[in-house]
PDB file of all heavy atoms in Angstrom:
ATOM      1  N   ASN A   1      12.654 -72.390  63.639  1.00  0.00           N
ATOM      2  CA  ASN A   1      11.195 -72.603  63.841  1.00  0.00           C
ATOM      3  C   ASN A   1      10.448 -71.266  63.908  1.00  0.00           C
ATOM      4  O   ASN A   1      10.970 -70.310  64.417  1.00  0.00           O
ATOM      5  CB  ASN A   1      10.941 -73.371  65.149  1.00  0.00           C
ATOM      6  CG  ASN A   1      11.563 -74.762  65.049  1.00  0.00           C
ATOM      7  OD1 ASN A   1      11.806 -75.272  63.983  1.00  0.00           O
ATOM      8  ND2 ASN A   1      11.844 -75.347  66.228  1.00  0.00           N
ATOM      9  N   ILE A   2       9.267 -71.253  63.363  1.00  0.00           N
ATOM     10  CA  ILE A   2       8.430 -70.043  63.419  1.00  0.00           C
ATOM     11  C   ILE A   2       7.440 -70.105  64.529  1.00  0.00           C
ATOM     12  O   ILE A   2       6.566 -69.204  64.642  1.00  0.00           O
ATOM     13  CB  ILE A   2       7.790 -69.788  62.012  1.00  0.00           C
ATOM     14  CG1 ILE A   2       6.877 -70.987  61.651  1.00  0.00           C
ATOM     15  CG2 ILE A   2       8.855 -69.544  60.992  1.00  0.00           C
ATOM     16  CD1 ILE A   2       6.104 -70.682  60.329  1.00  0.00           C
ATOM     17  N   ASP A   3       7.487 -71.087  65.358  1.00  0.00           N
ATOM     18  CA  ASP A   3       6.602 -71.193  66.541  1.00  0.00           C
ATOM     19  C   ASP A   3       7.180 -70.352  67.726  1.00  0.00           C
ATOM     20  O   ASP A   3       8.320 -69.849  67.635  1.00  0.00           O
ATOM     21  CB  ASP A   3       6.329 -72.637  67.021  1.00  0.00           C
ATOM     22  CG  ASP A   3       7.624 -73.391  67.477  1.00  0.00           C
ATOM     23  OD1 ASP A   3       8.321 -72.840  68.346  1.00  0.00           O
ATOM     24  OD2 ASP A   3       7.967 -74.415  66.793  1.00  0.00           O
ATOM     25  N   ASP A   4       6.490 -70.227  68.766  1.00  0.00           N
ATOM     26  CA  ASP A   4       6.881 -69.425  69.940  1.00  0.00           C
ATOM     27  C   ASP A   4       7.104 -70.237  71.185  1.00  0.00           C
ATOM     28  O   ASP A   4       7.088 -69.763  72.294  1.00  0.00           O
ATOM     29  CB  ASP A   4       5.781 -68.328  70.263  1.00  0.00           C
ATOM     30  CG  ASP A   4       4.481 -68.947  70.709  1.00  0.00           C
ATOM     31  OD1 ASP A   4       4.208 -70.176  70.404  1.00  0.00           O
ATOM     32  OD2 ASP A   4       3.708 -68.245  71.380  1.00  0.00           O
ATOM     33  N   LEU A   5       7.449 -71.530  70.916  1.00  0.00           N
ATOM     34  CA  LEU A   5       7.551 -72.465  72.072  1.00  0.00           C
ATOM     35  C   LEU A   5       8.823 -72.210  72.914  1.00  0.00           C
ATOM     36  O   LEU A   5       8.805 -72.388  74.143  1.00  0.00           O
ATOM     37  CB  LEU A   5       7.556 -73.932  71.542  1.00  0.00           C
ATOM     38  CG  LEU A   5       6.262 -74.322  70.869  1.00  0.00           C
ATOM     39  CD1 LEU A   5       6.334 -75.769  70.531  1.00  0.00           C
ATOM     40  CD2 LEU A   5       5.061 -74.107  71.753  1.00  0.00           C
ATOM     41  N   HIS A   6       9.896 -71.716  72.347  1.00  0.00           N
ATOM     42  CA  HIS A   6      11.000 -71.348  73.170  1.00  0.00           C
ATOM     43  C   HIS A   6      10.672 -70.235  74.169  1.00  0.00           C
ATOM     44  O   HIS A   6      11.029 -70.331  75.303  1.00  0.00           O
ATOM     45  CB  HIS A   6      12.193 -70.891  72.328  1.00  0.00           C
ATOM     46  CG  HIS A   6      12.905 -71.994  71.614  1.00  0.00           C
ATOM     47  ND1 HIS A   6      13.588 -73.010  72.265  1.00  0.00           N
ATOM     48  CD2 HIS A   6      13.153 -72.232  70.314  1.00  0.00           C
ATOM     49  CE1 HIS A   6      14.145 -73.810  71.413  1.00  0.00           C
ATOM     50  NE2 HIS A   6      13.887 -73.413  70.220  1.00  0.00           N
ATOM     51  N   GLU A   7      10.004 -69.215  73.627  1.00  0.00           N
ATOM     52  CA  GLU A   7       9.619 -68.109  74.491  1.00  0.00           C
ATOM     53  C   GLU A   7       8.602 -68.530  75.573  1.00  0.00           C
ATOM     54  O   GLU A   7       8.693 -68.087  76.676  1.00  0.00           O
ATOM     55  CB  GLU A   7       8.995 -66.988  73.669  1.00  0.00           C
ATOM     56  CG  GLU A   7      10.017 -66.191  72.837  1.00  0.00           C
ATOM     57  CD  GLU A   7      10.235 -66.779  71.479  1.00  0.00           C
ATOM     58  OE1 GLU A   7       9.804 -68.008  71.214  1.00  0.00           O
ATOM     59  OE2 GLU A   7      10.923 -66.147  70.662  1.00  0.00           O
ATOM     60  N   ARG A   8       7.682 -69.391  75.169  1.00  0.00           N
ATOM     61  CA  ARG A   8       6.711 -69.870  76.164  1.00  0.00           C
ATOM     62  C   ARG A   8       7.403 -70.675  77.259  1.00  0.00           C
ATOM     63  O   ARG A   8       6.896 -70.739  78.399  1.00  0.00           O
ATOM     64  CB  ARG A   8       5.611 -70.735  75.457  1.00  0.00           C
ATOM     65  CG  ARG A   8       4.534 -69.938  74.720  1.00  0.00           C
ATOM     66  CD  ARG A   8       3.316 -70.827  74.490  1.00  0.00           C
ATOM     67  NE  ARG A   8       3.027 -71.009  73.133  1.00  0.00           N
ATOM     68  CZ  ARG A   8       2.152 -72.003  72.656  1.00  0.00           C
ATOM     69  NH1 ARG A   8       1.582 -72.674  73.531  1.00  0.00           N
ATOM     70  NH2 ARG A   8       1.966 -72.055  71.377  1.00  0.00           N
ATOM     71  N   ALA A   9       8.522 -71.387  76.970  1.00  0.00           N
ATOM     72  CA  ALA A   9       9.214 -72.143  77.984  1.00  0.00           C
ATOM     73  C   ALA A   9      10.031 -71.275  78.910  1.00  0.00           C
ATOM     74  O   ALA A   9      10.587 -71.740  79.896  1.00  0.00           O
ATOM     75  CB  ALA A   9      10.060 -73.178  77.222  1.00  0.00           C
ATOM     76  N   GLY A  10      10.303 -70.035  78.454  1.00  0.00           N
ATOM     77  CA  GLY A  10      11.068 -69.127  79.260  1.00  0.00           C
ATOM     78  C   GLY A  10      12.389 -68.569  78.668  1.00  0.00           C
ATOM     79  O   GLY A  10      13.055 -67.759  79.262  1.00  0.00           O
ATOM     80  N   SER A  11      12.725 -69.002  77.485  1.00  0.00           N
ATOM     81  CA  SER A  11      13.903 -68.511  76.835  1.00  0.00           C
ATOM     82  C   SER A  11      13.642 -67.031  76.405  1.00  0.00           C
ATOM     83  O   SER A  11      12.584 -66.664  75.923  1.00  0.00           O
ATOM     84  CB  SER A  11      14.289 -69.324  75.579  1.00  0.00           C
ATOM     85  OG  SER A  11      14.744 -70.592  75.940  1.00  0.00           O
ATOM     86  N   ARG A  12      14.640 -66.210  76.611  1.00  0.00           N
ATOM     87  CA  ARG A  12      14.534 -64.783  76.280  1.00  0.00           C
ATOM     88  C   ARG A  12      15.486 -64.367  75.199  1.00  0.00           C
ATOM     89  O   ARG A  12      15.155 -63.441  74.426  1.00  0.00           O
ATOM     90  CB  ARG A  12      14.780 -63.948  77.556  1.00  0.00           C
ATOM     91  CG  ARG A  12      13.733 -64.136  78.591  1.00  0.00           C
ATOM     92  CD  ARG A  12      12.394 -63.581  78.201  1.00  0.00           C
ATOM     93  NE  ARG A  12      11.273 -63.850  79.158  1.00  0.00           N
ATOM     94  CZ  ARG A  12      10.409 -64.861  78.992  1.00  0.00           C
ATOM     95  NH1 ARG A  12      10.538 -65.632  77.940  1.00  0.00           N
ATOM     96  NH2 ARG A  12       9.506 -65.076  79.870  1.00  0.00           N
ATOM     97  N   ASN A  13      16.626 -65.037  75.088  1.00  0.00           N
ATOM     98  CA  ASN A  13      17.634 -64.619  74.030  1.00  0.00           C
ATOM     99  C   ASN A  13      17.451 -65.539  72.848  1.00  0.00           C
ATOM    100  O   ASN A  13      18.224 -66.454  72.642  1.00  0.00           O
ATOM    101  CB  ASN A  13      19.011 -64.793  74.698  1.00  0.00           C
ATOM    102  CG  ASN A  13      20.092 -63.994  73.986  1.00  0.00           C
ATOM    103  OD1 ASN A  13      19.756 -63.019  73.309  1.00  0.00           O
ATOM    104  ND2 ASN A  13      21.317 -64.398  74.091  1.00  0.00           N
ATOM    105  N   VAL A  14      16.455 -65.247  72.020  1.00  0.00           N
ATOM    106  CA  VAL A  14      16.051 -66.050  70.864  1.00  0.00           C
ATOM    107  C   VAL A  14      16.090 -65.229  69.603  1.00  0.00           C
ATOM    108  O   VAL A  14      15.519 -64.166  69.609  1.00  0.00           O
ATOM    109  CB  VAL A  14      14.696 -66.665  71.070  1.00  0.00           C
ATOM    110  CG1 VAL A  14      14.290 -67.571  69.966  1.00  0.00           C
ATOM    111  CG2 VAL A  14      14.591 -67.428  72.445  1.00  0.00           C
ATOM    112  N   VAL A  15      16.706 -65.833  68.601  1.00  0.00           N
ATOM    113  CA  VAL A  15      16.630 -65.197  67.244  1.00  0.00           C
ATOM    114  C   VAL A  15      15.844 -66.127  66.326  1.00  0.00           C
ATOM    115  O   VAL A  15      16.176 -67.290  66.213  1.00  0.00           O
ATOM    116  CB  VAL A  15      18.072 -65.033  66.649  1.00  0.00           C
ATOM    117  CG1 VAL A  15      18.009 -64.640  65.201  1.00  0.00           C
ATOM    118  CG2 VAL A  15      18.839 -64.060  67.493  1.00  0.00           C
ATOM    119  N   HIS A  16      14.759 -65.660  65.736  1.00  0.00           N
ATOM    120  CA  HIS A  16      13.924 -66.437  64.849  1.00  0.00           C
ATOM    121  C   HIS A  16      14.424 -66.100  63.445  1.00  0.00           C
ATOM    122  O   HIS A  16      13.957 -65.178  62.756  1.00  0.00           O
ATOM    123  CB  HIS A  16      12.464 -66.001  64.972  1.00  0.00           C
ATOM    124  CG  HIS A  16      11.864 -66.612  66.204  1.00  0.00           C
ATOM    125  ND1 HIS A  16      11.172 -67.831  66.180  1.00  0.00           N
ATOM    126  CD2 HIS A  16      11.704 -66.146  67.422  1.00  0.00           C
ATOM    127  CE1 HIS A  16      10.711 -68.120  67.371  1.00  0.00           C
ATOM    128  NE2 HIS A  16      11.021 -67.058  68.136  1.00  0.00           N
ATOM    129  N   MET A  17      15.390 -66.870  62.928  1.00  0.00           N
ATOM    130  CA  MET A  17      16.011 -66.558  61.651  1.00  0.00           C
ATOM    131  C   MET A  17      15.009 -66.744  60.511  1.00  0.00           C
ATOM    132  O   MET A  17      15.208 -66.194  59.413  1.00  0.00           O
ATOM    133  CB  MET A  17      17.268 -67.356  61.450  1.00  0.00           C
ATOM    134  CG  MET A  17      17.084 -68.874  61.359  1.00  0.00           C
ATOM    135  SD  MET A  17      18.660 -69.742  61.095  1.00  0.00           S
ATOM    136  CE  MET A  17      19.141 -69.202  59.420  1.00  0.00           C
ATOM    137  N   HIS A  18      13.978 -67.522  60.691  1.00  0.00           N
ATOM    138  CA  HIS A  18      13.006 -67.771  59.652  1.00  0.00           C
ATOM    139  C   HIS A  18      11.662 -67.075  59.888  1.00  0.00           C
ATOM    140  O   HIS A  18      10.644 -67.379  59.247  1.00  0.00           O
ATOM    141  CB  HIS A  18      12.776 -69.322  59.421  1.00  0.00           C
ATOM    142  CG  HIS A  18      13.950 -69.940  58.775  1.00  0.00           C
ATOM    143  ND1 HIS A  18      14.049 -71.325  58.751  1.00  0.00           N
ATOM    144  CD2 HIS A  18      15.047 -69.459  58.175  1.00  0.00           C
ATOM    145  CE1 HIS A  18      15.226 -71.618  58.172  1.00  0.00           C
ATOM    146  NE2 HIS A  18      15.793 -70.536  57.794  1.00  0.00           N
ATOM    147  N   GLY A  19      11.703 -66.215  60.900  1.00  0.00           N
ATOM    148  CA  GLY A  19      10.502 -65.409  61.153  1.00  0.00           C
ATOM    149  C   GLY A  19       9.613 -65.997  62.224  1.00  0.00           C
ATOM    150  O   GLY A  19       9.965 -66.974  62.939  1.00  0.00           O
ATOM    151  N   GLU A  20       8.451 -65.470  62.471  1.00  0.00           N
ATOM    152  CA  GLU A  20       7.505 -65.838  63.507  1.00  0.00           C
ATOM    153  C   GLU A  20       6.075 -65.928  62.940  1.00  0.00           C
ATOM    154  O   GLU A  20       5.590 -64.934  62.368  1.00  0.00           O
ATOM    155  CB  GLU A  20       7.561 -64.837  64.624  1.00  0.00           C
ATOM    156  CG  GLU A  20       8.964 -64.698  65.270  1.00  0.00           C
ATOM    157  CD  GLU A  20       9.050 -63.692  66.381  1.00  0.00           C
ATOM    158  OE1 GLU A  20       8.437 -63.958  67.432  1.00  0.00           O
ATOM    159  OE2 GLU A  20       9.746 -62.693  66.169  1.00  0.00           O
ATOM    160  N   LEU A  21       5.442 -67.011  63.158  1.00  0.00           N
ATOM    161  CA  LEU A  21       4.086 -67.264  62.644  1.00  0.00           C
ATOM    162  C   LEU A  21       3.071 -66.345  63.297  1.00  0.00           C
ATOM    163  O   LEU A  21       2.063 -66.017  62.711  1.00  0.00           O
ATOM    164  CB  LEU A  21       3.722 -68.731  62.854  1.00  0.00           C
ATOM    165  CG  LEU A  21       2.437 -69.223  62.286  1.00  0.00           C
ATOM    166  CD1 LEU A  21       2.379 -69.010  60.763  1.00  0.00           C
ATOM    167  CD2 LEU A  21       2.252 -70.717  62.615  1.00  0.00           C
ATOM    168  N   LEU A  22       3.326 -65.968  64.556  1.00  0.00           N
ATOM    169  CA  LEU A  22       2.349 -65.181  65.306  1.00  0.00           C
ATOM    170  C   LEU A  22       2.568 -63.685  65.098  1.00  0.00           C
ATOM    171  O   LEU A  22       2.287 -62.829  65.944  1.00  0.00           O
ATOM    172  CB  LEU A  22       2.398 -65.494  66.788  1.00  0.00           C
ATOM    173  CG  LEU A  22       1.985 -66.953  67.112  1.00  0.00           C
ATOM    174  CD1 LEU A  22       1.954 -67.207  68.620  1.00  0.00           C
ATOM    175  CD2 LEU A  22       0.551 -67.308  66.500  1.00  0.00           C
ATOM    176  N   LYS A  23       3.207 -63.328  63.908  1.00  0.00           N
ATOM    177  CA  LYS A  23       3.349 -61.909  63.560  1.00  0.00           C
ATOM    178  C   LYS A  23       3.035 -61.806  62.053  1.00  0.00           C
ATOM    179  O   LYS A  23       3.042 -62.794  61.316  1.00  0.00           O
ATOM    180  CB  LYS A  23       4.831 -61.442  63.773  1.00  0.00           C
ATOM    181  CG  LYS A  23       5.174 -61.322  65.220  1.00  0.00           C
ATOM    182  CD  LYS A  23       6.567 -60.767  65.388  1.00  0.00           C
ATOM    183  CE  LYS A  23       6.968 -60.670  66.842  1.00  0.00           C
ATOM    184  NZ  LYS A  23       8.388 -60.146  67.058  1.00  0.00           N
ATOM    185  N   ALA A  24       2.575 -60.586  61.670  1.00  0.00           N
ATOM    186  CA  ALA A  24       2.310 -60.232  60.304  1.00  0.00           C
ATOM    187  C   ALA A  24       3.109 -59.105  59.883  1.00  0.00           C
ATOM    188  O   ALA A  24       3.489 -58.296  60.681  1.00  0.00           O
ATOM    189  CB  ALA A  24       0.817 -59.953  60.124  1.00  0.00           C
ATOM    190  N   ARG A  25       3.429 -59.022  58.546  1.00  0.00           N
ATOM    191  CA  ARG A  25       4.230 -57.988  58.032  1.00  0.00           C
ATOM    192  C   ARG A  25       3.572 -57.384  56.766  1.00  0.00           C
ATOM    193  O   ARG A  25       3.009 -58.094  55.964  1.00  0.00           O
ATOM    194  CB  ARG A  25       5.619 -58.510  57.684  1.00  0.00           C
ATOM    195  CG  ARG A  25       6.589 -57.432  57.168  1.00  0.00           C
ATOM    196  CD  ARG A  25       8.042 -57.920  57.059  1.00  0.00           C
ATOM    197  NE  ARG A  25       8.332 -58.633  55.898  1.00  0.00           N
ATOM    198  CZ  ARG A  25       8.581 -59.933  55.827  1.00  0.00           C
ATOM    199  NH1 ARG A  25       8.558 -60.683  56.949  1.00  0.00           N
ATOM    200  NH2 ARG A  25       8.835 -60.556  54.684  1.00  0.00           N
ATOM    201  N   CYS A  26       3.655 -56.029  56.665  1.00  0.00           N
ATOM    202  CA  CYS A  26       3.134 -55.334  55.495  1.00  0.00           C
ATOM    203  C   CYS A  26       4.188 -55.294  54.423  1.00  0.00           C
ATOM    204  O   CYS A  26       5.333 -54.867  54.648  1.00  0.00           O
ATOM    205  CB  CYS A  26       2.668 -53.953  55.853  1.00  0.00           C
ATOM    206  SG  CYS A  26       2.168 -52.969  54.464  1.00  0.00           S
ATOM    207  N   GLN A  27       3.813 -55.809  53.190  1.00  0.00           N
ATOM    208  CA  GLN A  27       4.838 -55.812  52.115  1.00  0.00           C
ATOM    209  C   GLN A  27       4.996 -54.392  51.547  1.00  0.00           C
ATOM    210  O   GLN A  27       6.019 -54.168  50.930  1.00  0.00           O
ATOM    211  CB  GLN A  27       4.297 -56.670  51.009  1.00  0.00           C
ATOM    212  CG  GLN A  27       4.293 -58.148  51.317  1.00  0.00           C
ATOM    213  CD  GLN A  27       4.147 -59.004  50.087  1.00  0.00           C
ATOM    214  OE1 GLN A  27       4.964 -59.878  49.806  1.00  0.00           O
ATOM    215  NE2 GLN A  27       3.164 -58.757  49.278  1.00  0.00           N
ATOM    216  N   THR A  28       4.166 -53.498  51.908  1.00  0.00           N
ATOM    217  CA  THR A  28       4.265 -52.140  51.360  1.00  0.00           C
ATOM    218  C   THR A  28       5.224 -51.293  52.254  1.00  0.00           C
ATOM    219  O   THR A  28       6.142 -50.697  51.706  1.00  0.00           O
ATOM    220  CB  THR A  28       2.905 -51.450  51.312  1.00  0.00           C
ATOM    221  OG1 THR A  28       1.969 -52.150  50.513  1.00  0.00           O
ATOM    222  CG2 THR A  28       3.076 -49.999  50.786  1.00  0.00           C
ATOM    223  N   CYS A  29       4.998 -51.277  53.533  1.00  0.00           N
ATOM    224  CA  CYS A  29       5.859 -50.389  54.401  1.00  0.00           C
ATOM    225  C   CYS A  29       6.819 -51.156  55.337  1.00  0.00           C
ATOM    226  O   CYS A  29       7.665 -50.590  55.977  1.00  0.00           O
ATOM    227  CB  CYS A  29       4.966 -49.484  55.210  1.00  0.00           C
ATOM    228  SG  CYS A  29       4.045 -50.320  56.511  1.00  0.00           S
ATOM    229  N   GLY A  30       6.657 -52.489  55.398  1.00  0.00           N
ATOM    230  CA  GLY A  30       7.493 -53.318  56.256  1.00  0.00           C
ATOM    231  C   GLY A  30       7.119 -53.326  57.687  1.00  0.00           C
ATOM    232  O   GLY A  30       7.866 -53.971  58.486  1.00  0.00           O
ATOM    233  N   ASP A  31       6.051 -52.758  58.067  1.00  0.00           N
ATOM    234  CA  ASP A  31       5.595 -52.723  59.490  1.00  0.00           C
ATOM    235  C   ASP A  31       5.274 -54.187  59.934  1.00  0.00           C
ATOM    236  O   ASP A  31       4.673 -54.960  59.228  1.00  0.00           O
ATOM    237  CB  ASP A  31       4.366 -51.896  59.668  1.00  0.00           C
ATOM    238  CG  ASP A  31       4.009 -51.629  61.140  1.00  0.00           C
ATOM    239  OD1 ASP A  31       4.877 -51.281  61.906  1.00  0.00           O
ATOM    240  OD2 ASP A  31       2.832 -51.918  61.502  1.00  0.00           O
ATOM    241  N   VAL A  32       5.759 -54.541  61.146  1.00  0.00           N
ATOM    242  CA  VAL A  32       5.545 -55.929  61.737  1.00  0.00           C
ATOM    243  C   VAL A  32       4.690 -55.754  62.938  1.00  0.00           C
ATOM    244  O   VAL A  32       4.991 -54.906  63.827  1.00  0.00           O
ATOM    245  CB  VAL A  32       6.859 -56.591  62.032  1.00  0.00           C
ATOM    246  CG1 VAL A  32       6.618 -57.909  62.693  1.00  0.00           C
ATOM    247  CG2 VAL A  32       7.731 -56.706  60.753  1.00  0.00           C
ATOM    248  N   VAL A  33       3.626 -56.594  63.049  1.00  0.00           N
ATOM    249  CA  VAL A  33       2.718 -56.513  64.171  1.00  0.00           C
ATOM    250  C   VAL A  33       2.405 -57.918  64.689  1.00  0.00           C
ATOM    251  O   VAL A  33       2.446 -58.854  63.929  1.00  0.00           O
ATOM    252  CB  VAL A  33       1.396 -55.788  63.769  1.00  0.00           C
ATOM    253  CG1 VAL A  33       1.716 -54.353  63.554  1.00  0.00           C
ATOM    254  CG2 VAL A  33       0.714 -56.563  62.636  1.00  0.00           C
ATOM    255  N   PRO A  34       2.158 -58.058  66.016  1.00  0.00           N
ATOM    256  CA  PRO A  34       1.672 -59.368  66.523  1.00  0.00           C
ATOM    257  C   PRO A  34       0.391 -59.719  65.834  1.00  0.00           C
ATOM    258  O   PRO A  34      -0.486 -58.866  65.545  1.00  0.00           O
ATOM    259  CB  PRO A  34       1.458 -59.081  68.003  1.00  0.00           C
ATOM    260  CG  PRO A  34       2.285 -57.886  68.354  1.00  0.00           C
ATOM    261  CD  PRO A  34       2.258 -57.032  67.063  1.00  0.00           C
ATOM    262  N   TRP A  35       0.197 -61.034  65.580  1.00  0.00           N
ATOM    263  CA  TRP A  35      -0.979 -61.483  64.865  1.00  0.00           C
ATOM    264  C   TRP A  35      -1.351 -62.926  65.198  1.00  0.00           C
ATOM    265  O   TRP A  35      -0.555 -63.852  64.921  1.00  0.00           O
ATOM    266  CB  TRP A  35      -0.796 -61.387  63.325  1.00  0.00           C
ATOM    267  CG  TRP A  35      -2.089 -61.272  62.595  1.00  0.00           C
ATOM    268  CD1 TRP A  35      -2.846 -62.307  62.136  1.00  0.00           C
ATOM    269  CD2 TRP A  35      -2.829 -60.074  62.272  1.00  0.00           C
ATOM    270  NE1 TRP A  35      -4.028 -61.868  61.560  1.00  0.00           N
ATOM    271  CE2 TRP A  35      -4.001 -60.483  61.574  1.00  0.00           C
ATOM    272  CE3 TRP A  35      -2.582 -58.724  62.376  1.00  0.00           C
ATOM    273  CZ2 TRP A  35      -4.875 -59.547  61.093  1.00  0.00           C
ATOM    274  CZ3 TRP A  35      -3.452 -57.811  61.887  1.00  0.00           C
ATOM    275  CH2 TRP A  35      -4.642 -58.217  61.274  1.00  0.00           C
ATOM    276  N   ARG A  36      -2.509 -63.126  65.783  1.00  0.00           N
ATOM    277  CA  ARG A  36      -2.941 -64.440  66.207  1.00  0.00           C
ATOM    278  C   ARG A  36      -4.144 -64.935  65.380  1.00  0.00           C
ATOM    279  O   ARG A  36      -4.502 -66.149  65.514  1.00  0.00           O
ATOM    280  CB  ARG A  36      -3.230 -64.503  67.662  1.00  0.00           C
ATOM    281  CG  ARG A  36      -2.053 -64.061  68.594  1.00  0.00           C
ATOM    282  CD  ARG A  36      -2.342 -64.285  70.062  1.00  0.00           C
ATOM    283  NE  ARG A  36      -2.467 -65.687  70.421  1.00  0.00           N
ATOM    284  CZ  ARG A  36      -1.469 -66.404  70.762  1.00  0.00           C
ATOM    285  NH1 ARG A  36      -0.288 -65.885  70.839  1.00  0.00           N
ATOM    286  NH2 ARG A  36      -1.634 -67.667  71.160  1.00  0.00           N
ATOM    287  N   ASP A  37      -4.777 -64.045  64.643  1.00  0.00           N
ATOM    288  CA  ASP A  37      -5.968 -64.425  63.858  1.00  0.00           C
ATOM    289  C   ASP A  37      -5.597 -64.787  62.398  1.00  0.00           C
ATOM    290  O   ASP A  37      -4.423 -64.801  62.072  1.00  0.00           O
ATOM    291  CB  ASP A  37      -6.932 -63.273  63.898  1.00  0.00           C
ATOM    292  CG  ASP A  37      -7.395 -62.830  65.259  1.00  0.00           C
ATOM    293  OD1 ASP A  37      -7.621 -63.728  66.064  1.00  0.00           O
ATOM    294  OD2 ASP A  37      -7.459 -61.637  65.522  1.00  0.00           O
ATOM    295  N   ASP A  38      -6.617 -65.071  61.667  1.00  0.00           N
ATOM    296  CA  ASP A  38      -6.348 -65.351  60.196  1.00  0.00           C
ATOM    297  C   ASP A  38      -5.869 -64.183  59.489  1.00  0.00           C
ATOM    298  O   ASP A  38      -6.355 -63.029  59.762  1.00  0.00           O
ATOM    299  CB  ASP A  38      -7.589 -65.883  59.536  1.00  0.00           C
ATOM    300  CG  ASP A  38      -7.928 -67.371  59.946  1.00  0.00           C
ATOM    301  OD1 ASP A  38      -7.087 -67.934  60.661  1.00  0.00           O
ATOM    302  OD2 ASP A  38      -9.019 -67.908  59.599  1.00  0.00           O
TER     303      ASP A  38
END
């Protein structure tokens, strides 16, 4: 899942193998940042 519901429930040892919807990534440099807007 790409949601953050495990973390919101209190899980800390989580691997998001398909990524995270509330993050954005730059295709040029690979930088990943938190992102909640469009």
